[in-house]
């Protein structure tokens, strides 16, 4: 599976090849779903959530907690809209509201145990899928991919003015290696 590297190709051609490969991967992953992925999707669909509500759950899963203004900012919606979205998620038992310990005027939203369990199942399904795919890749190609992704991570951080975050991210990967026994570069 190792591809030869031709340093003579123009940058736009290489980028176009990468974009095409990414689009093909996206197409394949949406066409060939595993049973556990479909089961999880059915669970999500049975909740009858809107895309905005799903985004709120994903954001809270990532952020841990957020006040209404922050959620509205992240989703690009007005404060009354986010309040309604959170109200419906509270009614479904997926999100709870709490007063901030530091400022009682702030109301924070966070996932309930049920909401967190759902996010954990979604994350686990994605991780298991990726593990199955990566088992088909040679160790040499895995090293190349890991190195390429590290370069991409650094470029993205640089683009968004986060170039000094690399050490913080690397420290976070220690937990990955403890859990999986994998070496993270």
C-alpha atoms as a PDB file:
ATOM      1  CA  UNK A   1       0.000   0.000   0.000  1.00  0.00           C
ATOM      2  CA  UNK A   2       3.006   2.302   0.267  1.00  0.00           C
ATOM      3  CA  UNK A   3       2.927   5.011  -2.355  1.00  0.00           C
ATOM      4  CA  UNK A   4       6.061   6.361  -3.952  1.00  0.00           C
ATOM      5  CA  UNK A   5       6.659  10.013  -3.290  1.00  0.00           C
ATOM      6  CA  UNK A   6       7.210  12.086  -6.406  1.00  0.00           C
ATOM      7  CA  UNK A   7       8.618  15.452  -5.393  1.00  0.00           C
ATOM      8  CA  UNK A   8       8.183  16.779  -8.944  1.00  0.00           C
ATOM      9  CA  UNK A   9       4.386  17.033  -8.823  1.00  0.00           C
ATOM     10  CA  UNK A  10       2.934  20.517  -8.400  1.00  0.00           C
ATOM     11  CA  UNK A  11       1.344  21.357  -5.055  1.00  0.00           C
ATOM     12  CA  UNK A  12      -2.197  21.898  -6.489  1.00  0.00           C
ATOM     13  CA  UNK A  13      -2.120  18.430  -8.065  1.00  0.00           C
ATOM     14  CA  UNK A  14      -1.092  16.813  -4.789  1.00  0.00           C
ATOM     15  CA  UNK A  15      -3.756  18.741  -2.857  1.00  0.00           C
ATOM     16  CA  UNK A  16      -6.391  17.740  -5.429  1.00  0.00           C
ATOM     17  CA  UNK A  17      -5.384  14.088  -5.010  1.00  0.00           C
ATOM     18  CA  UNK A  18      -5.665  14.395  -1.215  1.00  0.00           C
ATOM     19  CA  UNK A  19      -9.087  16.052  -1.445  1.00  0.00           C
ATOM     20  CA  UNK A  20     -10.318  13.369  -3.858  1.00  0.00           C
ATOM     21  CA  UNK A  21      -9.077  10.621  -1.540  1.00  0.00           C
ATOM     22  CA  UNK A  22     -10.823  12.283   1.414  1.00  0.00           C
ATOM     23  CA  UNK A  23     -14.061  12.562  -0.545  1.00  0.00           C
ATOM     24  CA  UNK A  24     -13.855   8.887  -1.548  1.00  0.00           C
ATOM     25  CA  UNK A  25     -13.248   7.843   2.065  1.00  0.00           C
ATOM     26  CA  UNK A  26     -16.260   9.933   3.138  1.00  0.00           C
ATOM     27  CA  UNK A  27     -18.397   8.328   0.407  1.00  0.00           C
ATOM     28  CA  UNK A  28     -17.314   4.805   1.374  1.00  0.00           C
ATOM     29  CA  UNK A  29     -17.874   5.336   5.083  1.00  0.00           C
ATOM     30  CA  UNK A  30     -21.407   6.560   4.468  1.00  0.00           C
ATOM     31  CA  UNK A  31     -22.199   3.723   2.056  1.00  0.00           C
ATOM     32  CA  UNK A  32     -20.786   0.807   4.065  1.00  0.00           C
ATOM     33  CA  UNK A  33     -21.836   1.172   7.676  1.00  0.00           C
ATOM     34  CA  UNK A  34     -21.308  -1.539  10.266  1.00  0.00           C
ATOM     35  CA  UNK A  35     -24.160  -2.998  12.297  1.00  0.00           C
ATOM     36  CA  UNK A  36     -23.098  -1.264  15.518  1.00  0.00           C
ATOM     37  CA  UNK A  37     -22.886   2.059  13.680  1.00  0.00           C
ATOM     38  CA  UNK A  38     -26.377   1.557  12.213  1.00  0.00           C
ATOM     39  CA  UNK A  39     -27.716   0.592  15.633  1.00  0.00           C
ATOM     40  CA  UNK A  40     -26.256   3.760  17.118  1.00  0.00           C
ATOM     41  CA  UNK A  41     -27.675   5.839  14.267  1.00  0.00           C
ATOM     42  CA  UNK A  42     -31.112   4.315  14.918  1.00  0.00           C
ATOM     43  CA  UNK A  43     -30.811   5.318  18.572  1.00  0.00           C
ATOM     44  CA  UNK A  44     -29.975   8.899  17.581  1.00  0.00           C
ATOM     45  CA  UNK A  45     -32.782   9.008  15.015  1.00  0.00           C
ATOM     46  CA  UNK A  46     -35.276   7.664  17.552  1.00  0.00           C
ATOM     47  CA  UNK A  47     -34.578  10.738  19.699  1.00  0.00           C
ATOM     48  CA  UNK A  48     -35.856  12.908  16.856  1.00  0.00           C
ATOM     49  CA  UNK A  49     -33.186  15.568  17.409  1.00  0.00           C
ATOM     50  CA  UNK A  50     -32.618  18.499  15.103  1.00  0.00           C
ATOM     51  CA  UNK A  51     -29.147  19.133  13.708  1.00  0.00           C
ATOM     52  CA  UNK A  52     -28.789  22.125  16.045  1.00  0.00           C
ATOM     53  CA  UNK A  53     -29.703  19.961  19.045  1.00  0.00           C
ATOM     54  CA  UNK A  54     -27.150  17.362  17.950  1.00  0.00           C
ATOM     55  CA  UNK A  55     -24.557  20.120  17.609  1.00  0.00           C
ATOM     56  CA  UNK A  56     -25.314  21.281  21.156  1.00  0.00           C
ATOM     57  CA  UNK A  57     -24.733  17.729  22.429  1.00  0.00           C
ATOM     58  CA  UNK A  58     -21.476  17.458  20.480  1.00  0.00           C
ATOM     59  CA  UNK A  59     -20.275  20.836  21.767  1.00  0.00           C
ATOM     60  CA  UNK A  60     -21.112  19.980  25.357  1.00  0.00           C
ATOM     61  CA  UNK A  61     -19.390  16.638  24.926  1.00  0.00           C
ATOM     62  CA  UNK A  62     -16.272  18.474  23.807  1.00  0.00           C
ATOM     63  CA  UNK A  63     -16.456  21.519  26.099  1.00  0.00           C
ATOM     64  CA  UNK A  64     -17.789  19.792  29.216  1.00  0.00           C
ATOM     65  CA  UNK A  65     -19.983  22.764  30.047  1.00  0.00           C
ATOM     66  CA  UNK A  66     -20.889  26.074  28.463  1.00  0.00           C
ATOM     67  CA  UNK A  67     -23.095  29.034  29.199  1.00  0.00           C
ATOM     68  CA  UNK A  68     -25.912  29.950  26.841  1.00  0.00           C
ATOM     69  CA  UNK A  69     -24.011  32.869  25.284  1.00  0.00           C
ATOM     70  CA  UNK A  70     -21.044  30.624  24.472  1.00  0.00           C
ATOM     71  CA  UNK A  71     -23.274  27.950  22.928  1.00  0.00           C
ATOM     72  CA  UNK A  72     -25.091  30.592  20.876  1.00  0.00           C
ATOM     73  CA  UNK A  73     -21.752  31.968  19.678  1.00  0.00           C
ATOM     74  CA  UNK A  74     -20.380  28.530  18.753  1.00  0.00           C
ATOM     75  CA  UNK A  75     -23.538  27.629  16.816  1.00  0.00           C
ATOM     76  CA  UNK A  76     -23.995  31.051  15.269  1.00  0.00           C
ATOM     77  CA  UNK A  77     -27.524  31.485  16.629  1.00  0.00           C
ATOM     78  CA  UNK A  78     -29.272  34.038  18.848  1.00  0.00           C
ATOM     79  CA  UNK A  79     -29.594  33.590  22.613  1.00  0.00           C
ATOM     80  CA  UNK A  80     -33.366  32.855  22.548  1.00  0.00           C
ATOM     81  CA  UNK A  81     -32.733  30.134  19.953  1.00  0.00           C
ATOM     82  CA  UNK A  82     -30.088  28.392  22.060  1.00  0.00           C
ATOM     83  CA  UNK A  83     -32.293  28.681  25.139  1.00  0.00           C
ATOM     84  CA  UNK A  84     -35.085  26.837  23.286  1.00  0.00           C
ATOM     85  CA  UNK A  85     -32.667  24.192  22.008  1.00  0.00           C
ATOM     86  CA  UNK A  86     -31.321  23.554  25.500  1.00  0.00           C
ATOM     87  CA  UNK A  87     -34.871  23.526  26.944  1.00  0.00           C
ATOM     88  CA  UNK A  88     -35.812  20.661  24.613  1.00  0.00           C
ATOM     89  CA  UNK A  89     -32.615  18.743  25.443  1.00  0.00           C
ATOM     90  CA  UNK A  90     -33.325  19.200  29.163  1.00  0.00           C
ATOM     91  CA  UNK A  91     -36.861  17.834  28.604  1.00  0.00           C
ATOM     92  CA  UNK A  92     -35.335  14.743  26.958  1.00  0.00           C
ATOM     93  CA  UNK A  93     -32.971  14.202  29.871  1.00  0.00           C
ATOM     94  CA  UNK A  94     -29.809  14.701  27.787  1.00  0.00           C
ATOM     95  CA  UNK A  95     -28.692  18.083  29.202  1.00  0.00           C
ATOM     96  CA  UNK A  96     -29.009  19.753  32.583  1.00  0.00           C
ATOM     97  CA  UNK A  97     -28.686  23.373  33.664  1.00  0.00           C
ATOM     98  CA  UNK A  98     -26.581  24.482  36.625  1.00  0.00           C
ATOM     99  CA  UNK A  99     -25.600  27.756  38.229  1.00  0.00           C
ATOM    100  CA  UNK A 100     -21.957  28.668  37.773  1.00  0.00           C
ATOM    101  CA  UNK A 101     -19.958  28.259  40.963  1.00  0.00           C
ATOM    102  CA  UNK A 102     -18.043  31.448  40.125  1.00  0.00           C
ATOM    103  CA  UNK A 103     -20.898  33.657  38.936  1.00  0.00           C
ATOM    104  CA  UNK A 104     -24.450  32.840  40.037  1.00  0.00           C
ATOM    105  CA  UNK A 105     -25.830  34.979  37.196  1.00  0.00           C
ATOM    106  CA  UNK A 106     -24.456  32.469  34.669  1.00  0.00           C
ATOM    107  CA  UNK A 107     -26.408  29.357  33.782  1.00  0.00           C
ATOM    108  CA  UNK A 108     -24.278  26.519  32.484  1.00  0.00           C
ATOM    109  CA  UNK A 109     -25.428  23.621  30.363  1.00  0.00           C
ATOM    110  CA  UNK A 110     -23.765  20.218  30.646  1.00  0.00           C
ATOM    111  CA  UNK A 111     -24.572  16.690  29.574  1.00  0.00           C
ATOM    112  CA  UNK A 112     -26.523  14.469  31.933  1.00  0.00           C
ATOM    113  CA  UNK A 113     -25.237  10.955  32.561  1.00  0.00           C
ATOM    114  CA  UNK A 114     -27.630   9.783  29.832  1.00  0.00           C
ATOM    115  CA  UNK A 115     -26.345  12.405  27.396  1.00  0.00           C
ATOM    116  CA  UNK A 116     -22.731  11.575  28.242  1.00  0.00           C
ATOM    117  CA  UNK A 117     -23.360   7.844  27.810  1.00  0.00           C
ATOM    118  CA  UNK A 118     -24.804   8.518  24.365  1.00  0.00           C
ATOM    119  CA  UNK A 119     -21.807  10.634  23.381  1.00  0.00           C
ATOM    120  CA  UNK A 120     -19.462   7.943  24.720  1.00  0.00           C
ATOM    121  CA  UNK A 121     -21.199   5.268  22.603  1.00  0.00           C
ATOM    122  CA  UNK A 122     -20.921   7.463  19.514  1.00  0.00           C
ATOM    123  CA  UNK A 123     -17.237   8.089  20.156  1.00  0.00           C
ATOM    124  CA  UNK A 124     -16.553   4.412  20.827  1.00  0.00           C
ATOM    125  CA  UNK A 125     -18.301   3.352  17.610  1.00  0.00           C
ATOM    126  CA  UNK A 126     -16.122   5.766  15.639  1.00  0.00           C
ATOM    127  CA  UNK A 127     -12.963   4.609  17.402  1.00  0.00           C
ATOM    128  CA  UNK A 128     -13.734   0.918  16.770  1.00  0.00           C
ATOM    129  CA  UNK A 129     -14.457   1.621  13.110  1.00  0.00           C
ATOM    130  CA  UNK A 130     -11.157   3.476  12.711  1.00  0.00           C
ATOM    131  CA  UNK A 131      -9.247   0.699  14.484  1.00  0.00           C
ATOM    132  CA  UNK A 132     -10.709  -1.896  12.088  1.00  0.00           C
ATOM    133  CA  UNK A 133      -9.677   0.189   9.088  1.00  0.00           C
ATOM    134  CA  UNK A 134      -6.180   0.920  10.398  1.00  0.00           C
ATOM    135  CA  UNK A 135      -5.524  -2.782  11.046  1.00  0.00           C
ATOM    136  CA  UNK A 136      -5.430  -3.145   7.253  1.00  0.00           C
ATOM    137  CA  UNK A 137      -2.545  -0.674   6.961  1.00  0.00           C
ATOM    138  CA  UNK A 138       1.095  -1.735   7.235  1.00  0.00           C
ATOM    139  CA  UNK A 139       3.112  -0.514  10.207  1.00  0.00           C
ATOM    140  CA  UNK A 140       5.327   1.525   7.867  1.00  0.00           C
ATOM    141  CA  UNK A 141       2.303   3.241   6.342  1.00  0.00           C
ATOM    142  CA  UNK A 142       0.824   3.831   9.805  1.00  0.00           C
ATOM    143  CA  UNK A 143       4.049   5.611  10.795  1.00  0.00           C
ATOM    144  CA  UNK A 144       3.838   7.714   7.623  1.00  0.00           C
ATOM    145  CA  UNK A 145       0.179   8.537   8.283  1.00  0.00           C
ATOM    146  CA  UNK A 146       0.874   9.441  11.916  1.00  0.00           C
ATOM    147  CA  UNK A 147       3.686  11.736  10.830  1.00  0.00           C
ATOM    148  CA  UNK A 148       1.522  13.335   8.109  1.00  0.00           C
ATOM    149  CA  UNK A 149      -1.338  13.920  10.559  1.00  0.00           C
ATOM    150  CA  UNK A 150       1.059  15.530  13.019  1.00  0.00           C
ATOM    151  CA  UNK A 151       2.223  17.892  10.255  1.00  0.00           C
ATOM    152  CA  UNK A 152      -1.418  18.657   9.391  1.00  0.00           C
ATOM    153  CA  UNK A 153      -2.247  19.292  13.071  1.00  0.00           C
ATOM    154  CA  UNK A 154       0.638  21.744  13.322  1.00  0.00           C
ATOM    155  CA  UNK A 155      -0.469  23.537  10.131  1.00  0.00           C
ATOM    156  CA  UNK A 156      -4.031  23.870  11.428  1.00  0.00           C
ATOM    157  CA  UNK A 157      -2.828  25.161  14.788  1.00  0.00           C
ATOM    158  CA  UNK A 158      -0.588  27.646  13.014  1.00  0.00           C
ATOM    159  CA  UNK A 159      -3.492  28.799  10.794  1.00  0.00           C
ATOM    160  CA  UNK A 160      -5.578  29.557  13.880  1.00  0.00           C
ATOM    161  CA  UNK A 161      -2.785  31.086  15.933  1.00  0.00           C
ATOM    162  CA  UNK A 162      -2.464  28.081  18.221  1.00  0.00           C
ATOM    163  CA  UNK A 163       1.082  27.091  17.300  1.00  0.00           C
ATOM    164  CA  UNK A 164       2.110  26.926  20.955  1.00  0.00           C
ATOM    165  CA  UNK A 165      -0.592  24.324  21.703  1.00  0.00           C
ATOM    166  CA  UNK A 166       1.503  21.375  20.428  1.00  0.00           C
ATOM    167  CA  UNK A 167       2.990  20.591  23.835  1.00  0.00           C
ATOM    168  CA  UNK A 168      -0.489  20.715  25.394  1.00  0.00           C
ATOM    169  CA  UNK A 169      -1.832  18.280  22.769  1.00  0.00           C
ATOM    170  CA  UNK A 170       1.163  15.960  23.145  1.00  0.00           C
ATOM    171  CA  UNK A 171       0.596  15.815  26.888  1.00  0.00           C
ATOM    172  CA  UNK A 172      -3.009  14.797  26.190  1.00  0.00           C
ATOM    173  CA  UNK A 173      -1.866  11.881  24.053  1.00  0.00           C
ATOM    174  CA  UNK A 174      -0.228  10.264  27.070  1.00  0.00           C
ATOM    175  CA  UNK A 175      -3.680   9.044  28.091  1.00  0.00           C
ATOM    176  CA  UNK A 176      -4.121   7.484  24.645  1.00  0.00           C
ATOM    177  CA  UNK A 177      -0.915   5.513  24.978  1.00  0.00           C
ATOM    178  CA  UNK A 178      -1.858   4.418  28.517  1.00  0.00           C
ATOM    179  CA  UNK A 179      -5.247   3.147  27.332  1.00  0.00           C
ATOM    180  CA  UNK A 180      -4.173   1.540  24.065  1.00  0.00           C
ATOM    181  CA  UNK A 181      -0.516   0.805  24.699  1.00  0.00           C
ATOM    182  CA  UNK A 182       0.157   2.713  21.492  1.00  0.00           C
ATOM    183  CA  UNK A 183       3.041   5.074  20.981  1.00  0.00           C
ATOM    184  CA  UNK A 184       1.783   8.484  19.929  1.00  0.00           C
ATOM    185  CA  UNK A 185       4.234  10.614  17.994  1.00  0.00           C
END
